[in-house]
Amino acid sequence: MPLPKEDLDSIAGGTLAHYEGRAADFREGTRDHDVSQNINALLDAIARPAPLAILDFGCGPGRDLKTFSKLGHRAIGLDGTASFVEMARADSGCEVWYQNFFELDLPPSFFDGVFANASLFHVPVAELPRVLGQLYASLKADGVLFCSNPRGSNSEGWSGGRYGAYHDLEAWRGFMAAAGFAEIRHYYRPDGLLRAEQAWLATVWRKPSNER
């Protein structure tokens, strides 16, 4: 059952305020993170030549927008933190939409791929079907959604000033299948560590080609 608007406003407001108050430190702390494995997982799954239309969902300060753009793609960012939107526009030169995840306004059947790296876990379980449905509708037929989330035991709540939901693989598969996506692959990160030390679950999904 969807959450009341006042609850969504509280979750979005608190989480975005957390990022807003730490925007410069966050940019410096994540600037050199190597997410090439995740970027390649998305691009390798899209059976179309460049340039591709890519939505960086929760783009933050714009690090990955620059990568997609340098690879010849039309990268569009989306973030609900005002400082991140300004940073991403200035640093990447890409179009960046100022939207929070609970008030999305996305064009239908527009994107070849959606890159949701460390972003969808901020969506409460009750709102996840709606948000996934909006991302699904924004993809072209045969388009691809990549997502990487901190994995957990299907709990949610506030932690360190941010709201998060922490899914295991089977629960996440259930949400994605219900939204209409077909699984391509999954893996755990960081690569090369024992499973117990791999805190991130990465999954790749396709919108079936018979969907419009």
Protein backbone atom coordinates (compact mmCIF):
# COMPACT_ATOMS: atom_id res chain seq x y z
CA MET A 1 0.00 0.00 0.00
CA PRO A 2 1.49 3.41 -0.97
CA LEU A 3 2.68 5.65 1.83
CA PRO A 4 0.85 8.85 2.74
CA LYS A 5 2.30 11.98 1.15
CA GLU A 6 3.45 13.33 4.50
CA ASP A 7 5.52 10.19 5.06
CA LEU A 8 7.07 10.44 1.60
CA ASP A 9 7.82 14.12 2.15
CA SER A 10 9.54 13.26 5.42
CA ILE A 11 11.62 10.47 3.88
CA ALA A 12 12.61 12.52 0.85
CA GLY A 13 13.22 15.67 2.88
CA GLY A 14 15.39 14.01 5.49
CA THR A 15 17.45 11.96 3.03
CA LEU A 16 17.99 14.84 0.62
CA ALA A 17 18.91 17.19 3.49
CA HIS A 18 21.53 14.65 4.56
CA TYR A 19 23.13 14.73 1.10
CA GLU A 20 22.71 18.49 0.73
CA GLY A 21 24.63 19.12 3.94
CA ARG A 22 27.50 16.92 2.80
CA ALA A 23 27.48 17.56 -0.94
CA ALA A 24 31.07 18.78 -1.31
CA ASP A 25 32.47 16.03 0.92
CA PHE A 26 30.41 13.42 -0.90
CA ARG A 27 31.77 14.56 -4.26
CA GLU A 28 35.36 14.36 -3.04
CA GLY A 29 34.81 11.04 -1.30
CA THR A 30 33.28 9.33 -4.33
CA ARG A 31 35.17 11.06 -7.15
CA ASP A 32 37.63 8.19 -7.62
CA HIS A 33 35.28 5.25 -7.02
CA ASP A 34 35.73 2.69 -9.78
CA VAL A 35 32.28 1.63 -11.00
CA SER A 36 33.45 0.61 -14.48
CA GLN A 37 32.21 -2.94 -13.83
CA ASN A 38 28.70 -1.55 -13.35
CA ILE A 39 28.84 0.80 -16.32
CA ASN A 40 30.05 -2.03 -18.54
CA ALA A 41 27.32 -4.34 -17.23
CA LEU A 42 24.69 -1.87 -18.44
CA LEU A 43 26.25 -1.05 -21.78
CA ASP A 44 27.12 -4.66 -22.63
CA ALA A 45 23.48 -5.65 -22.16
CA ILE A 46 22.10 -3.03 -24.56
CA ALA A 47 21.93 -4.48 -28.06
CA ARG A 48 22.02 -1.14 -29.83
CA PRO A 49 24.88 0.93 -31.29
CA ALA A 50 25.96 4.26 -29.80
CA PRO A 51 24.85 6.88 -29.20
CA LEU A 52 22.48 5.58 -26.55
CA ALA A 53 20.10 7.60 -24.40
CA ILE A 54 21.10 6.82 -20.80
CA LEU A 55 19.36 8.02 -17.64
CA ASP A 56 21.70 8.23 -14.64
CA PHE A 57 19.06 7.83 -11.93
CA GLY A 58 20.40 9.46 -8.78
CA CYS A 59 23.41 10.87 -10.59
CA GLY A 60 24.86 12.69 -7.58
CA PRO A 61 27.67 15.12 -8.49
CA GLY A 62 27.88 13.71 -12.04
CA ARG A 63 30.90 11.43 -12.03
CA ASP A 64 29.27 8.73 -14.16
CA LEU A 65 27.55 11.19 -16.48
CA LYS A 66 30.99 12.28 -17.63
CA THR A 67 31.95 8.67 -18.32
CA PHE A 68 28.83 7.94 -20.38
CA SER A 69 29.28 11.18 -22.30
CA LYS A 70 32.93 10.46 -23.09
CA LEU A 71 31.84 7.09 -24.48
CA GLY A 72 29.65 8.90 -26.99
CA HIS A 73 26.26 8.49 -25.36
CA ARG A 74 23.54 11.03 -24.57
CA ALA A 75 23.60 10.93 -20.79
CA ILE A 76 20.88 12.64 -18.77
CA GLY A 77 21.13 12.88 -15.01
CA LEU A 78 18.39 12.98 -12.40
CA ASP A 79 18.79 13.88 -8.75
CA GLY A 80 16.76 15.42 -5.95
CA THR A 81 19.67 17.15 -4.20
CA ALA A 82 19.95 20.71 -5.53
CA SER A 83 23.72 20.97 -4.97
CA PHE A 84 24.32 17.69 -6.79
CA VAL A 85 22.26 18.90 -9.75
CA GLU A 86 24.36 22.08 -9.98
CA MET A 87 27.62 20.12 -9.64
CA ALA A 88 26.58 17.53 -12.21
CA ARG A 89 25.56 20.14 -14.76
CA ALA A 90 28.80 22.09 -14.30
CA ASP A 91 31.16 19.11 -14.19
CA SER A 92 29.63 16.97 -16.94
CA GLY A 93 28.03 19.44 -19.32
CA CYS A 94 25.07 17.07 -19.48
CA GLU A 95 21.37 17.74 -19.06
CA VAL A 96 20.39 17.05 -15.44
CA TRP A 97 16.81 16.94 -14.17
CA TYR A 98 16.00 18.16 -10.66
CA GLN A 99 13.47 15.58 -9.47
CA ASN A 100 13.11 13.49 -6.36
CA PHE A 101 12.31 9.81 -6.69
CA PHE A 102 8.74 10.18 -5.42
CA GLU A 103 7.74 12.93 -7.88
CA LEU A 104 9.14 11.64 -11.17
CA ASP A 105 8.21 13.09 -14.54
CA LEU A 106 9.86 10.86 -17.15
CA PRO A 107 9.24 10.67 -20.91
CA PRO A 108 7.74 7.36 -22.08
CA SER A 109 9.79 4.88 -24.12
CA PHE A 110 12.72 7.31 -24.30
CA PHE A 111 15.79 5.67 -22.76
CA ASP A 112 17.91 2.80 -24.02
CA GLY A 113 19.25 2.28 -20.52
CA VAL A 114 18.77 3.40 -16.92
CA PHE A 115 21.78 3.40 -14.59
CA ALA A 116 20.57 3.27 -10.97
CA ASN A 117 23.85 2.97 -9.10
CA ALA A 118 23.38 3.20 -5.31
CA SER A 119 20.07 5.03 -5.62
CA LEU A 120 17.00 2.76 -5.64
CA PHE A 121 17.69 1.57 -2.10
CA HIS A 122 16.40 4.95 -0.92
CA VAL A 123 12.90 4.01 -2.13
CA PRO A 124 10.67 2.52 0.61
CA VAL A 125 9.26 -0.92 -0.13
CA ALA A 126 5.71 0.44 -0.31
CA GLU A 127 6.70 2.85 -3.10
CA LEU A 128 9.03 0.55 -5.01
CA PRO A 129 6.38 -0.88 -7.40
CA ARG A 130 5.38 2.63 -8.47
CA VAL A 131 8.95 3.86 -9.00
CA LEU A 132 9.99 0.71 -10.86
CA GLY A 133 6.89 1.03 -13.01
CA GLN A 134 7.86 4.59 -13.94
CA LEU A 135 11.39 3.51 -14.87
CA TYR A 136 9.98 0.61 -16.88
CA ALA A 137 7.69 2.96 -18.80
CA SER A 138 10.60 5.32 -19.54
CA LEU A 139 12.60 2.57 -21.26
CA LYS A 140 12.32 1.68 -24.91
CA ALA A 141 11.34 -1.90 -25.73
CA ASP A 142 14.38 -4.10 -25.07
CA GLY A 143 15.88 -1.33 -22.91
CA VAL A 144 18.00 -2.19 -19.89
CA LEU A 145 17.92 -1.20 -16.22
CA PHE A 146 21.05 -1.61 -14.12
CA CYS A 147 20.81 -1.27 -10.35
CA SER A 148 23.29 -1.71 -7.53
CA ASN A 149 22.04 -1.61 -3.95
CA PRO A 150 23.50 -2.40 -0.53
CA ARG A 151 22.20 -5.87 0.22
CA GLY A 152 20.51 -6.92 3.42
CA SER A 153 17.81 -9.05 5.00
CA ASN A 154 14.76 -7.19 3.67
CA SER A 155 14.66 -4.48 6.30
CA GLU A 156 14.17 -0.75 5.91
CA GLY A 157 14.41 2.41 7.98
CA TRP A 158 16.60 5.35 8.92
CA SER A 159 20.36 4.97 9.19
CA GLY A 160 22.81 7.84 9.60
CA GLY A 161 20.29 10.43 8.46
CA ARG A 162 19.24 8.55 5.30
CA TYR A 163 16.29 6.27 4.65
CA GLY A 164 17.17 2.95 3.07
CA ALA A 165 15.67 -0.42 2.16
CA TYR A 166 18.02 -3.41 2.09
CA HIS A 167 16.95 -6.39 -0.03
CA ASP A 168 18.34 -9.84 -0.63
CA LEU A 169 18.47 -11.26 -4.15
CA GLU A 170 15.23 -13.23 -4.02
CA ALA A 171 13.19 -10.33 -2.66
CA TRP A 172 14.67 -7.97 -5.25
CA ARG A 173 13.88 -10.43 -8.01
CA GLY A 174 10.29 -10.45 -6.85
CA PHE A 175 9.94 -6.68 -7.10
CA MET A 176 11.59 -6.55 -10.51
CA ALA A 177 9.56 -9.41 -11.97
CA ALA A 178 6.34 -7.84 -10.70
CA ALA A 179 7.31 -4.64 -12.54
CA GLY A 180 7.68 -6.63 -15.77
CA PHE A 181 11.46 -6.86 -16.04
CA ALA A 182 13.35 -9.95 -17.21
CA GLU A 183 16.62 -10.74 -15.44
CA ILE A 184 19.84 -10.71 -17.46
CA ARG A 185 22.42 -11.27 -14.73
CA HIS A 186 23.47 -10.45 -11.19
CA TYR A 187 26.73 -10.23 -9.28
CA TYR A 188 28.08 -9.05 -5.95
CA ARG A 189 30.58 -6.27 -5.24
CA PRO A 190 33.35 -5.47 -4.50
CA ASP A 191 34.80 -8.08 -6.83
CA GLY A 192 37.34 -10.54 -5.45
CA LEU A 193 36.13 -10.57 -1.84
CA LEU A 194 34.42 -13.30 0.15
CA ARG A 195 30.63 -13.20 -0.24
CA ALA A 196 30.19 -12.09 3.37
CA GLU A 197 32.35 -9.05 2.58
CA GLN A 198 30.53 -8.14 -0.64
CA ALA A 199 28.07 -5.53 0.59
CA TRP A 200 26.57 -4.63 -2.79
CA LEU A 201 24.14 -6.55 -5.01
CA ALA A 202 24.25 -5.57 -8.69
CA THR A 203 21.50 -6.71 -11.05
CA VAL A 204 20.79 -6.16 -14.76
CA TRP A 205 17.26 -6.29 -16.23
CA ARG A 206 15.59 -5.97 -19.61
CA LYS A 207 12.23 -4.59 -20.64
CA PRO A 208 10.93 -7.32 -22.97
CA SER A 209 10.97 -6.44 -26.65
CA ASN A 210 7.23 -7.12 -27.02
CA GLU A 211 6.48 -4.30 -24.56
CA ARG A 212 6.01 -0.69 -25.61
